[in-house]
Amino acid sequence: MNAIIPPFCLVLSLLLLIGAFAVLAVESPQPGIELHRARVEDDEQYRDLLEQQLDRRRLQRKVLIGSLFGMAVIMAVAGFVAMRPPAPN
């Protein structure tokens, strides 16, 4: 069982890195037509609501990217730590 854990952690780390770069390759959330319309029509409440939603989506994307990279590093470290040679008896 211990022989399976290091390669599994390293493969999982690689998959997390691929996922993180895939999310980075996708364009970040941009203002929609509704937000532009609210800005033009001077609808302050609706504009503020849409801007808050846009900021929340951008923050969620940043947290997702940071989490993916962080978990990739943790999995890689765990994989290499699990590969240490057994102690001689």
N, C-alpha and C. Protein backbone atom coordinates (compact mmCIF):
# COMPACT_ATOMS: atom_id res chain seq x y z
N MET A 1 0.82 -1.20 0.00
CA MET A 1 0.00 0.00 0.00
C MET A 1 0.87 1.27 0.00
N ASN A 2 1.97 1.23 0.76
CA ASN A 2 2.84 2.40 0.82
C ASN A 2 3.54 2.67 -0.50
N ALA A 3 3.65 1.67 -1.36
CA ALA A 3 4.28 1.88 -2.66
C ALA A 3 3.35 2.61 -3.62
N ILE A 4 2.07 2.62 -3.34
CA ILE A 4 1.09 3.26 -4.22
C ILE A 4 0.94 4.75 -3.92
N ILE A 5 1.14 5.13 -2.68
CA ILE A 5 0.85 6.50 -2.25
C ILE A 5 1.74 7.55 -2.93
N PRO A 6 3.07 7.40 -2.99
CA PRO A 6 3.88 8.45 -3.63
C PRO A 6 3.53 8.70 -5.10
N PRO A 7 3.40 7.67 -5.94
CA PRO A 7 3.03 7.97 -7.33
C PRO A 7 1.64 8.59 -7.44
N PHE A 8 0.72 8.13 -6.59
CA PHE A 8 -0.63 8.70 -6.60
C PHE A 8 -0.59 10.19 -6.26
N CYS A 9 0.17 10.56 -5.24
CA CYS A 9 0.29 11.97 -4.86
C CYS A 9 0.92 12.80 -5.98
N LEU A 10 1.94 12.26 -6.63
CA LEU A 10 2.61 13.01 -7.70
C LEU A 10 1.72 13.15 -8.93
N VAL A 11 0.96 12.11 -9.25
CA VAL A 11 0.03 12.20 -10.39
C VAL A 11 -1.08 13.19 -10.06
N LEU A 12 -1.59 13.15 -8.84
CA LEU A 12 -2.62 14.09 -8.44
C LEU A 12 -2.09 15.52 -8.47
N SER A 13 -0.84 15.71 -8.07
CA SER A 13 -0.22 17.03 -8.13
C SER A 13 -0.14 17.53 -9.57
N LEU A 14 0.24 16.64 -10.47
CA LEU A 14 0.32 17.01 -11.88
C LEU A 14 -1.06 17.38 -12.43
N LEU A 15 -2.07 16.62 -12.07
CA LEU A 15 -3.44 16.92 -12.53
C LEU A 15 -3.94 18.25 -11.97
N LEU A 16 -3.61 18.53 -10.72
CA LEU A 16 -3.99 19.82 -10.14
C LEU A 16 -3.30 20.98 -10.85
N LEU A 17 -2.03 20.80 -11.21
CA LEU A 17 -1.33 21.86 -11.96
C LEU A 17 -1.94 22.06 -13.33
N ILE A 18 -2.29 20.98 -13.99
CA ILE A 18 -2.94 21.10 -15.30
C ILE A 18 -4.26 21.84 -15.16
N GLY A 19 -5.03 21.51 -14.14
CA GLY A 19 -6.30 22.19 -13.89
C GLY A 19 -6.11 23.67 -13.59
N ALA A 20 -5.09 24.00 -12.80
CA ALA A 20 -4.83 25.39 -12.46
C ALA A 20 -4.46 26.20 -13.70
N PHE A 21 -3.59 25.64 -14.55
CA PHE A 21 -3.22 26.36 -15.76
C PHE A 21 -4.39 26.44 -16.75
N ALA A 22 -5.27 25.45 -16.73
CA ALA A 22 -6.45 25.50 -17.58
C ALA A 22 -7.38 26.63 -17.14
N VAL A 23 -7.54 26.79 -15.83
CA VAL A 23 -8.38 27.89 -15.33
C VAL A 23 -7.72 29.23 -15.64
N LEU A 24 -6.39 29.29 -15.54
CA LEU A 24 -5.69 30.53 -15.88
C LEU A 24 -5.84 30.89 -17.35
N ALA A 25 -5.94 29.88 -18.20
CA ALA A 25 -6.04 30.13 -19.64
C ALA A 25 -7.41 30.69 -20.02
N VAL A 26 -8.41 30.44 -19.19
CA VAL A 26 -9.75 30.96 -19.47
C VAL A 26 -9.80 32.42 -19.01
N GLU A 27 -10.43 33.24 -19.80
CA GLU A 27 -10.50 34.66 -19.50
C GLU A 27 -11.26 34.90 -18.20
N SER A 28 -10.81 35.89 -17.43
CA SER A 28 -11.48 36.21 -16.17
C SER A 28 -12.85 36.83 -16.44
N PRO A 29 -13.75 36.80 -15.45
CA PRO A 29 -15.09 37.36 -15.65
C PRO A 29 -15.03 38.83 -16.04
N GLN A 30 -15.80 39.18 -17.04
CA GLN A 30 -15.86 40.54 -17.56
C GLN A 30 -17.25 41.14 -17.30
N PRO A 31 -17.34 42.46 -17.28
CA PRO A 31 -18.66 43.08 -17.11
C PRO A 31 -19.59 42.68 -18.25
N GLY A 32 -20.83 42.39 -17.89
CA GLY A 32 -21.81 41.98 -18.89
C GLY A 32 -22.57 43.16 -19.45
N ILE A 33 -23.47 42.86 -20.37
CA ILE A 33 -24.30 43.88 -21.01
C ILE A 33 -25.17 44.59 -19.98
N GLU A 34 -25.69 43.82 -19.00
CA GLU A 34 -26.55 44.42 -17.98
C GLU A 34 -25.80 45.47 -17.17
N LEU A 35 -24.56 45.21 -16.84
CA LEU A 35 -23.77 46.18 -16.08
C LEU A 35 -23.51 47.43 -16.92
N HIS A 36 -23.21 47.26 -18.19
CA HIS A 36 -23.02 48.44 -19.06
C HIS A 36 -24.32 49.24 -19.18
N ARG A 37 -25.42 48.54 -19.28
CA ARG A 37 -26.72 49.22 -19.38
C ARG A 37 -27.01 49.98 -18.09
N ALA A 38 -26.71 49.39 -16.94
CA ALA A 38 -26.94 50.07 -15.66
C ALA A 38 -26.04 51.30 -15.52
N ARG A 39 -24.84 51.23 -16.05
CA ARG A 39 -23.94 52.39 -15.99
C ARG A 39 -24.46 53.52 -16.87
N VAL A 40 -24.96 53.18 -18.04
CA VAL A 40 -25.44 54.20 -18.97
C VAL A 40 -26.72 54.84 -18.44
N GLU A 41 -27.60 54.03 -17.87
CA GLU A 41 -28.90 54.53 -17.40
C GLU A 41 -28.80 55.14 -16.00
N ASP A 42 -27.63 55.19 -15.40
CA ASP A 42 -27.41 55.73 -14.06
C ASP A 42 -28.29 55.08 -13.00
N ASP A 43 -28.46 53.78 -13.11
CA ASP A 43 -29.20 53.01 -12.10
C ASP A 43 -28.19 52.55 -11.05
N GLU A 44 -28.00 53.38 -10.01
CA GLU A 44 -26.95 53.16 -9.02
C GLU A 44 -27.10 51.84 -8.27
N GLN A 45 -28.30 51.52 -7.80
CA GLN A 45 -28.49 50.30 -7.01
C GLN A 45 -28.21 49.05 -7.83
N TYR A 46 -28.75 49.01 -9.03
CA TYR A 46 -28.55 47.84 -9.89
C TYR A 46 -27.09 47.73 -10.32
N ARG A 47 -26.46 48.87 -10.60
CA ARG A 47 -25.04 48.88 -10.97
C ARG A 47 -24.19 48.37 -9.82
N ASP A 48 -24.47 48.84 -8.60
CA ASP A 48 -23.72 48.37 -7.44
C ASP A 48 -23.88 46.87 -7.24
N LEU A 49 -25.10 46.37 -7.40
CA LEU A 49 -25.35 44.94 -7.25
C LEU A 49 -24.56 44.13 -8.29
N LEU A 50 -24.60 44.58 -9.55
CA LEU A 50 -23.88 43.86 -10.60
C LEU A 50 -22.37 43.94 -10.42
N GLU A 51 -21.87 45.08 -9.94
CA GLU A 51 -20.44 45.20 -9.69
C GLU A 51 -20.01 44.32 -8.52
N GLN A 52 -20.85 44.18 -7.50
CA GLN A 52 -20.54 43.28 -6.40
C GLN A 52 -20.50 41.83 -6.87
N GLN A 53 -21.44 41.46 -7.73
CA GLN A 53 -21.45 40.10 -8.27
C GLN A 53 -20.20 39.84 -9.11
N LEU A 54 -19.80 40.83 -9.90
CA LEU A 54 -18.59 40.69 -10.73
C LEU A 54 -17.36 40.56 -9.84
N ASP A 55 -17.27 41.38 -8.80
CA ASP A 55 -16.14 41.29 -7.88
C ASP A 55 -16.11 39.93 -7.17
N ARG A 56 -17.28 39.40 -6.80
CA ARG A 56 -17.36 38.10 -6.14
C ARG A 56 -16.89 36.99 -7.07
N ARG A 57 -17.30 37.06 -8.35
CA ARG A 57 -16.86 36.04 -9.32
C ARG A 57 -15.36 36.11 -9.54
N ARG A 58 -14.80 37.32 -9.60
CA ARG A 58 -13.35 37.46 -9.77
C ARG A 58 -12.60 36.93 -8.55
N LEU A 59 -13.12 37.20 -7.35
CA LEU A 59 -12.50 36.69 -6.14
C LEU A 59 -12.57 35.17 -6.09
N GLN A 60 -13.71 34.60 -6.46
CA GLN A 60 -13.86 33.15 -6.47
C GLN A 60 -12.86 32.52 -7.43
N ARG A 61 -12.63 33.15 -8.56
CA ARG A 61 -11.67 32.63 -9.53
C ARG A 61 -10.25 32.66 -8.96
N LYS A 62 -9.90 33.77 -8.30
CA LYS A 62 -8.57 33.88 -7.69
C LYS A 62 -8.37 32.84 -6.60
N VAL A 63 -9.40 32.63 -5.79
CA VAL A 63 -9.31 31.63 -4.72
C VAL A 63 -9.17 30.24 -5.31
N LEU A 64 -9.91 29.95 -6.38
CA LEU A 64 -9.83 28.64 -7.03
C LEU A 64 -8.43 28.40 -7.58
N ILE A 65 -7.86 29.39 -8.25
CA ILE A 65 -6.52 29.24 -8.81
C ILE A 65 -5.49 29.06 -7.70
N GLY A 66 -5.60 29.87 -6.66
CA GLY A 66 -4.67 29.74 -5.53
C GLY A 66 -4.80 28.39 -4.84
N SER A 67 -6.02 27.91 -4.70
CA SER A 67 -6.24 26.61 -4.07
C SER A 67 -5.67 25.47 -4.91
N LEU A 68 -5.85 25.55 -6.21
CA LEU A 68 -5.32 24.50 -7.07
C LEU A 68 -3.80 24.46 -7.03
N PHE A 69 -3.16 25.61 -7.10
CA PHE A 69 -1.69 25.64 -7.03
C PHE A 69 -1.22 25.20 -5.64
N GLY A 70 -1.89 25.65 -4.60
CA GLY A 70 -1.51 25.27 -3.24
C GLY A 70 -1.64 23.76 -3.01
N MET A 71 -2.74 23.19 -3.45
CA MET A 71 -2.93 21.75 -3.29
C MET A 71 -1.93 20.96 -4.13
N ALA A 72 -1.56 21.49 -5.29
CA ALA A 72 -0.55 20.81 -6.12
C ALA A 72 0.79 20.77 -5.39
N VAL A 73 1.16 21.85 -4.75
CA VAL A 73 2.42 21.89 -4.00
C VAL A 73 2.34 20.92 -2.81
N ILE A 74 1.23 20.93 -2.11
CA ILE A 74 1.07 20.04 -0.95
C ILE A 74 1.14 18.58 -1.39
N MET A 75 0.48 18.24 -2.48
CA MET A 75 0.51 16.85 -2.96
C MET A 75 1.92 16.45 -3.41
N ALA A 76 2.63 17.36 -4.05
CA ALA A 76 4.00 17.04 -4.49
C ALA A 76 4.91 16.82 -3.28
N VAL A 77 4.80 17.68 -2.30
CA VAL A 77 5.61 17.52 -1.08
C VAL A 77 5.25 16.21 -0.39
N ALA A 78 3.96 15.91 -0.29
CA ALA A 78 3.54 14.66 0.35
C ALA A 78 4.06 13.45 -0.41
N GLY A 79 4.05 13.54 -1.73
CA GLY A 79 4.57 12.44 -2.54
C GLY A 79 6.04 12.20 -2.33
N PHE A 80 6.81 13.28 -2.27
CA PHE A 80 8.25 13.12 -2.07
C PHE A 80 8.58 12.71 -0.64
N VAL A 81 7.83 13.18 0.32
CA VAL A 81 8.06 12.77 1.71
C VAL A 81 7.73 11.29 1.89
N ALA A 82 6.69 10.82 1.21
CA ALA A 82 6.30 9.41 1.33
C ALA A 82 7.30 8.48 0.64
N MET A 83 8.18 9.02 -0.21
CA MET A 83 9.16 8.19 -0.91
C MET A 83 10.43 7.93 -0.11
N ARG A 84 10.54 8.45 1.08
CA ARG A 84 11.77 8.26 1.85
C ARG A 84 12.04 6.77 2.06
N PRO A 85 13.28 6.40 2.10
CA PRO A 85 13.60 4.98 2.24
C PRO A 85 13.22 4.47 3.61
N PRO A 86 12.91 3.19 3.72
CA PRO A 86 12.56 2.64 5.04
C PRO A 86 13.77 2.61 5.96
N ALA A 87 13.51 2.76 7.24
CA ALA A 87 14.59 2.78 8.22
C ALA A 87 15.15 1.36 8.38
N PRO A 88 16.49 1.23 8.44
CA PRO A 88 17.08 -0.11 8.63
C PRO A 88 16.77 -0.65 10.02
N ASN A 89 16.54 -1.94 10.10
CA ASN A 89 16.23 -2.57 11.40
C ASN A 89 17.45 -3.10 12.05
